[in-house]
Amino acid sequence: MTTVAPVARARLAGGCAAATAVGSAAATASSFTWLPFDWPALGVAAALVVHAALALTITDLGDPRLRRSATTVAAVLAGLLLAGSAWAAAVHWPGSAPGVLLSLVQNGIGPLAVLSVRLGSVA
């Protein structure tokens, strides 16, 4: 039986987290087009900016000097992401709790995967 080296496991986990984050960002971008904006591209841009800023903020958690402010910024960005996801799903599927829940899960799973890998490497 072969064992996987810790470096290979870290690369695999990082690759999976990155792929999950990209998939989650794509899902968020497509669902944010449901928002009642005059230009659907505005929703896509907002989704991608929030996802990118959240991913960058998560990487700042490794620096002890930035950890407190990074945690605060990440919490605000995560709140914006979840609020926007809930709003977009409520607009698209009015009165559908499963639709809203599914939207929250698919839009939040990417940042959670990046966070779990990052916290695993920091600890």
C-alpha atoms as a PDB file:
ATOM      1  CA  MET A   1       0.000   0.000   0.000  1.00  0.00           C
ATOM      2  CA  THR A   2       1.408   3.362  -0.965  1.00  0.00           C
ATOM      3  CA  THR A   3       1.259   6.412   1.218  1.00  0.00           C
ATOM      4  CA  VAL A   4       0.788   9.915  -0.064  1.00  0.00           C
ATOM      5  CA  ALA A   5       3.429  12.406   1.049  1.00  0.00           C
ATOM      6  CA  PRO A   6       2.197  15.361   3.107  1.00  0.00           C
ATOM      7  CA  VAL A   7       3.243  17.768   0.346  1.00  0.00           C
ATOM      8  CA  ALA A   8       1.192  15.832  -2.204  1.00  0.00           C
ATOM      9  CA  ARG A   9      -1.802  15.829   0.130  1.00  0.00           C
ATOM     10  CA  ALA A  10      -1.463  19.587   0.639  1.00  0.00           C
ATOM     11  CA  ARG A  11      -1.289  20.137  -3.130  1.00  0.00           C
ATOM     12  CA  LEU A  12      -4.307  17.908  -3.691  1.00  0.00           C
ATOM     13  CA  ALA A  13      -6.296  19.706  -0.988  1.00  0.00           C
ATOM     14  CA  GLY A  14      -5.250  23.093  -2.371  1.00  0.00           C
ATOM     15  CA  GLY A  15      -6.202  22.084  -5.906  1.00  0.00           C
ATOM     16  CA  CYS A  16      -9.581  20.771  -4.780  1.00  0.00           C
ATOM     17  CA  ALA A  17     -10.235  23.939  -2.786  1.00  0.00           C
ATOM     18  CA  ALA A  18      -9.261  26.114  -5.754  1.00  0.00           C
ATOM     19  CA  ALA A  19     -11.515  24.133  -8.114  1.00  0.00           C
ATOM     20  CA  THR A  20     -14.374  24.340  -5.618  1.00  0.00           C
ATOM     21  CA  ALA A  21     -13.841  28.094  -5.247  1.00  0.00           C
ATOM     22  CA  VAL A  22     -13.914  28.586  -9.029  1.00  0.00           C
ATOM     23  CA  GLY A  23     -17.085  26.491  -9.328  1.00  0.00           C
ATOM     24  CA  SER A  24     -18.682  28.386  -6.469  1.00  0.00           C
ATOM     25  CA  ALA A  25     -17.728  31.742  -8.007  1.00  0.00           C
ATOM     26  CA  ALA A  26     -19.240  30.655 -11.338  1.00  0.00           C
ATOM     27  CA  ALA A  27     -22.452  29.553  -9.593  1.00  0.00           C
ATOM     28  CA  THR A  28     -22.622  32.838  -7.703  1.00  0.00           C
ATOM     29  CA  ALA A  29     -21.964  34.867 -10.850  1.00  0.00           C
ATOM     30  CA  SER A  30     -24.752  33.088 -12.711  1.00  0.00           C
ATOM     31  CA  SER A  31     -27.202  33.383  -9.828  1.00  0.00           C
ATOM     32  CA  PHE A  32     -26.421  37.072  -9.283  1.00  0.00           C
ATOM     33  CA  THR A  33     -27.710  37.753 -12.816  1.00  0.00           C
ATOM     34  CA  TRP A  34     -31.151  37.110 -11.286  1.00  0.00           C
ATOM     35  CA  LEU A  35     -30.849  40.291  -9.208  1.00  0.00           C
ATOM     36  CA  PRO A  36     -33.064  43.170 -10.346  1.00  0.00           C
ATOM     37  CA  PHE A  37     -30.270  45.270 -11.874  1.00  0.00           C
ATOM     38  CA  ASP A  38     -30.564  47.048 -15.201  1.00  0.00           C
ATOM     39  CA  TRP A  39     -27.365  45.302 -16.303  1.00  0.00           C
ATOM     40  CA  PRO A  40     -26.960  41.603 -15.393  1.00  0.00           C
ATOM     41  CA  ALA A  41     -23.186  42.032 -15.819  1.00  0.00           C
ATOM     42  CA  LEU A  42     -23.262  44.193 -12.684  1.00  0.00           C
ATOM     43  CA  GLY A  43     -24.422  41.172 -10.677  1.00  0.00           C
ATOM     44  CA  VAL A  44     -21.704  38.994 -12.215  1.00  0.00           C
ATOM     45  CA  ALA A  45     -19.035  41.590 -11.437  1.00  0.00           C
ATOM     46  CA  ALA A  46     -20.267  41.982  -7.861  1.00  0.00           C
ATOM     47  CA  ALA A  47     -20.210  38.215  -7.316  1.00  0.00           C
ATOM     48  CA  LEU A  48     -16.699  37.818  -8.714  1.00  0.00           C
ATOM     49  CA  VAL A  49     -15.330  40.786  -6.754  1.00  0.00           C
ATOM     50  CA  VAL A  50     -16.785  39.484  -3.472  1.00  0.00           C
ATOM     51  CA  HIS A  51     -15.439  35.964  -4.118  1.00  0.00           C
ATOM     52  CA  ALA A  52     -11.970  37.241  -5.055  1.00  0.00           C
ATOM     53  CA  ALA A  53     -11.795  39.617  -2.095  1.00  0.00           C
ATOM     54  CA  LEU A  54     -12.926  36.858   0.246  1.00  0.00           C
ATOM     55  CA  ALA A  55     -10.276  34.449  -1.099  1.00  0.00           C
ATOM     56  CA  LEU A  56      -7.549  37.084  -0.730  1.00  0.00           C
ATOM     57  CA  THR A  57      -8.713  37.924   2.779  1.00  0.00           C
ATOM     58  CA  ILE A  58      -8.613  34.257   3.744  1.00  0.00           C
ATOM     59  CA  THR A  59      -4.963  34.096   2.667  1.00  0.00           C
ATOM     60  CA  ASP A  60      -4.219  36.996   5.054  1.00  0.00           C
ATOM     61  CA  LEU A  61      -5.236  34.810   7.987  1.00  0.00           C
ATOM     62  CA  GLY A  62      -1.730  33.295   7.974  1.00  0.00           C
ATOM     63  CA  ASP A  63      -0.106  36.554   9.074  1.00  0.00           C
ATOM     64  CA  PRO A  64      -0.606  37.068  12.827  1.00  0.00           C
ATOM     65  CA  ARG A  65      -0.504  40.864  12.413  1.00  0.00           C
ATOM     66  CA  LEU A  66      -3.404  40.784   9.936  1.00  0.00           C
ATOM     67  CA  ARG A  67      -5.458  38.011  11.486  1.00  0.00           C
ATOM     68  CA  ARG A  68      -7.903  40.173  13.470  1.00  0.00           C
ATOM     69  CA  SER A  69      -8.643  42.607  10.640  1.00  0.00           C
ATOM     70  CA  ALA A  70      -8.718  39.771   8.082  1.00  0.00           C
ATOM     71  CA  THR A  71     -11.278  37.931  10.208  1.00  0.00           C
ATOM     72  CA  THR A  72     -13.447  41.049  10.403  1.00  0.00           C
ATOM     73  CA  VAL A  73     -13.243  41.736   6.671  1.00  0.00           C
ATOM     74  CA  ALA A  74     -13.887  38.073   5.849  1.00  0.00           C
ATOM     75  CA  ALA A  75     -16.982  38.061   8.076  1.00  0.00           C
ATOM     76  CA  VAL A  76     -18.342  41.184   6.344  1.00  0.00           C
ATOM     77  CA  LEU A  77     -17.639  39.776   2.869  1.00  0.00           C
ATOM     78  CA  ALA A  78     -19.161  36.410   3.781  1.00  0.00           C
ATOM     79  CA  GLY A  79     -22.243  38.225   5.077  1.00  0.00           C
ATOM     80  CA  LEU A  80     -22.518  40.143   1.788  1.00  0.00           C
ATOM     81  CA  LEU A  81     -22.105  36.934  -0.198  1.00  0.00           C
ATOM     82  CA  LEU A  82     -24.785  35.089   1.772  1.00  0.00           C
ATOM     83  CA  ALA A  83     -27.182  38.061   1.777  1.00  0.00           C
ATOM     84  CA  GLY A  84     -26.776  38.522  -1.976  1.00  0.00           C
ATOM     85  CA  SER A  85     -27.224  34.801  -2.564  1.00  0.00           C
ATOM     86  CA  ALA A  86     -30.384  34.705  -0.470  1.00  0.00           C
ATOM     87  CA  TRP A  87     -31.728  37.809  -2.232  1.00  0.00           C
ATOM     88  CA  ALA A  88     -30.978  36.426  -5.701  1.00  0.00           C
ATOM     89  CA  ALA A  89     -32.592  33.085  -4.893  1.00  0.00           C
ATOM     90  CA  ALA A  90     -35.637  34.746  -3.322  1.00  0.00           C
ATOM     91  CA  VAL A  91     -36.081  36.864  -6.470  1.00  0.00           C
ATOM     92  CA  HIS A  92     -35.701  33.860  -8.768  1.00  0.00           C
ATOM     93  CA  TRP A  93     -37.703  31.353  -6.685  1.00  0.00           C
ATOM     94  CA  PRO A  94     -40.124  33.366  -4.536  1.00  0.00           C
ATOM     95  CA  GLY A  95     -41.339  31.376  -1.537  1.00  0.00           C
ATOM     96  CA  SER A  96     -38.981  28.435  -2.163  1.00  0.00           C
ATOM     97  CA  ALA A  97     -36.931  27.723   0.944  1.00  0.00           C
ATOM     98  CA  PRO A  98     -35.093  24.756  -0.673  1.00  0.00           C
ATOM     99  CA  GLY A  99     -34.058  26.966  -3.598  1.00  0.00           C
ATOM    100  CA  VAL A 100     -32.685  29.619  -1.265  1.00  0.00           C
ATOM    101  CA  LEU A 101     -30.864  26.995   0.818  1.00  0.00           C
ATOM    102  CA  LEU A 102     -29.357  25.383  -2.279  1.00  0.00           C
ATOM    103  CA  SER A 103     -28.196  28.780  -3.523  1.00  0.00           C
ATOM    104  CA  LEU A 104     -26.583  29.574  -0.169  1.00  0.00           C
ATOM    105  CA  VAL A 105     -24.763  26.236  -0.134  1.00  0.00           C
ATOM    106  CA  GLN A 106     -23.478  26.375  -3.709  1.00  0.00           C
ATOM    107  CA  ASN A 107     -22.376  30.006  -3.386  1.00  0.00           C
ATOM    108  CA  GLY A 108     -20.723  29.565   0.005  1.00  0.00           C
ATOM    109  CA  ILE A 109     -19.008  26.208  -0.438  1.00  0.00           C
ATOM    110  CA  GLY A 110     -16.015  27.626  -2.347  1.00  0.00           C
ATOM    111  CA  PRO A 111     -14.915  30.126   0.307  1.00  0.00           C
ATOM    112  CA  LEU A 112     -15.475  27.475   2.989  1.00  0.00           C
ATOM    113  CA  ALA A 113     -13.215  25.026   1.118  1.00  0.00           C
ATOM    114  CA  VAL A 114     -10.483  27.658   0.775  1.00  0.00           C
ATOM    115  CA  LEU A 115     -10.870  28.550   4.455  1.00  0.00           C
ATOM    116  CA  SER A 116     -10.628  24.930   5.598  1.00  0.00           C
ATOM    117  CA  VAL A 117      -7.455  24.335   3.582  1.00  0.00           C
ATOM    118  CA  ARG A 118      -5.962  27.632   4.735  1.00  0.00           C
ATOM    119  CA  LEU A 119      -6.739  26.978   8.406  1.00  0.00           C
ATOM    120  CA  GLY A 120      -5.282  23.493   8.045  1.00  0.00           C
ATOM    121  CA  SER A 121      -2.014  24.960   6.764  1.00  0.00           C
ATOM    122  CA  VAL A 122      -1.921  27.715   9.402  1.00  0.00           C
ATOM    123  CA  ALA A 123      -2.560  25.496  12.409  1.00  0.00           C
END
